[in-house]
Structures are given as structure tokens and as C-alpha cells.
Amino acid sequence: MTDTLTIARPDDWHLHLRDGAMLRAVLPETARHFARAIIMPNLVPPVVTGAQAAAYRDRILSALPADANFTPLMTLYLTEETDADDVAAAHESGLISAVKLYPAGATTNSASGVQVFDRVRGVFERMAEIGLPLCVHGEVTEPEIDIFDREAVFIDRVLDPIRRTTPGLRVVMEHITTSDAVEYVQGVESGLGATITTHHLVINRNHILVGGIRPHYYCLPVAKREIHRQALVAAATSGDARFFLGTDSAPHTDDNKESACGCAGCFTAPNTMSILAEVFERENALERLEGFASRHGPTFYGLPANTETLTLTRGAPVSYPSHIDSAEGSVTVFDPGFPLHWRVTT
């Protein structure tokens, strides 16, 4: 059995850092292990212009620990008023790495998202011209659509039409949760990738609901049936370069999670690499962890893999703090529900 695994330092291709006191509390947890991360723009107010993205990047960099080596990869929040010229200028300057599409009302702080997709067709066309990826939260929001079906319906009603009407647009399906999404990505030869979260590799919907509601397992898109979790594990561990890590680590204070209308999100930044090593080992696929966590994402985004390395060592179970403290309140760290034998040692 392998006891030591050294990989290129990983990146996180979907991350929530929030702002202010929460940013300062959670950023070190990501910067400890990850070299780069795609930063989500759903602040209040959202990051919709190049100027706002530059200001947010500066706040992130000022919150970094002095010894950290971490690069935030910024994104813009797509609205129906987004200026294609501003998007192109931000991309040309190297400021942004993607634009994020939130269907209005789909998830946390998404009220400013898109309702009528034809209104952003010009932005999509400019993005296709300049090679700027579109990251999509892939769920419809119509109330008559069951929450467990919203990803599959989004593929048919929204994503596939967008891709067909905008040839050349490069798309990342973020935090996929279904076998439908896996099969859709596998059916496309180029221009389409998908991120898979740590927690969706571990939990299904029973973990949220059986024996009582567990708010710290509640996320959006919500975890689905066990057959879908198995499909995600198979895709992540397959070596297929179209699938790569995006943790969607999303901190909320415990007061906001454990309430009558609890927030969606799992905070996985501290222990993601230990959890992933456990998942990949169970699938006899440890040799493919580097591809999923460190190489497939940079390839899709046209970036080099990191030259620094990260080493995991197998041994006695490692423990992580159950909570991270912030000036806004305590944040619960995701509990995978099984022992973690792999620890990051360098």
C-alpha cells in the first residue's frame, strides 16, 4: 500500500471567500494547500465590473498571510446589463479568468442573475471570440421543477441551447451533481469541462435528511441519490481531463446554517485534500488524484500546472478543527463521516 503521495500543488476551480471578516478567517485555509483558485463573485453587491473585480482582488491579497503563495483568479458576475466591452477589457488585462452565470434565484446571493438568456447573447458571443470561459451554476429556478431535477432540466433547456447558438464558447459546468451531467460532459469532445466538489463525492441526499436534518450537509445544488454520487466518483477518479476539482467551499456562520431558513454551502477548504485522498484510495485510483486536483483544471483554463508540490502521507487518522472562528461567528468544517488517514505533510 502506498504511504506517501507527492503531486503538483493543487488548485481550486470554484471557491467562495466572501469578504471582510469572513474573508480574513477562511482565506488561510485555502492558501495553505492550494496555489490558485477561481473566486466566486456573488458578494453583496455582486462583482459585476472589471473595477469591482480589481478591488476585490486587492482585498483578497491584503488578507493573505505574509508567507502564503496564493493567486486569486477573478471572475465577473453576469447580469442582463453586463457590458461586453468591460468583460473583454478585464480579460485582456489579465484581471479575470472567467464569467459566472447564475440563473436568478438559483443559490446564495443570486438575485442579480440572469432571467432572460437572450439578453446576454452578445456577451456570450464576445466571450467565444476571445476564449473566455463561462462558468455556469447549472440549475433552473422555475418553482414547478423539483429541486432534485433542476440540473438535468437546465442541461436540456438552457445549457445545450446556449452552446448550440454560440459555437466556440468554452463552458465549465460547475459543481455537477448528477449522472445526467456526467454523461453530457462525456458526450462533448472539446470546449466543455466540469468541476466536482469534495462533498458531492462523499454525501448523498440521505446524509442531509435521514435521522434528522443536518444543515451542514445542505448545499446547492443539493446532493442527489446514491447512484448520482457514484457517477461523480467514477468521473472524478477516471482520469478524464474534462473533470477537475472545484470545491465550492462556501463558509456560512453556524447561526446562518442552523436557522429556520438555513444557508446552503459546505465549508471544505481545510480538509479537502485528506478527503480526496481517502476517496481516490477507496477506488484504487490514487495515481489519478494529481490529474483531478492539479492538472486537468489548468489545462482547461490554458494555464501551466504548478511547479510546487504537495505531499500527503498515510498513517493514523488525522483530525481537523471542527470549527473555524471568525469575527462574524463560528464556521463548521465539513465532516465526511469517516476517518481520514491521509494528511498533508509538505
Foldseek 3Di string as FASTA:
>chain_A
DDFKDKFFQFEAAAEEQAADQSNLQCVVLQQVGHQEYEYAQLYVVGAAFLVSLVVVQVRNVVSDDPPTRHHYAYEHEDALPRDLVRVVVCVVVSSHQAYEADAAPQAPNRPRHYPDVVSCLVSQQSCLVVVRAYEYQQFDDPPVDDLQCGNLVSVVPPVVVSCVVRPRHAYEDEQDAFLSVVVVLVVDDDRYAYEHALLSLQDAVCVQPPPHGDLLQFAPSHHHDPVRSVSVLCSLLVLPLRYAHHHQQDWDAPPQSPDPNHHHHHHASNCSVLSVCVSNVVVVRNVSNNSRGFNSVCVNSVHDTHPDMWMKGFDPFDDDDQWTATPVHITGHDDSPDTGRIDTDD
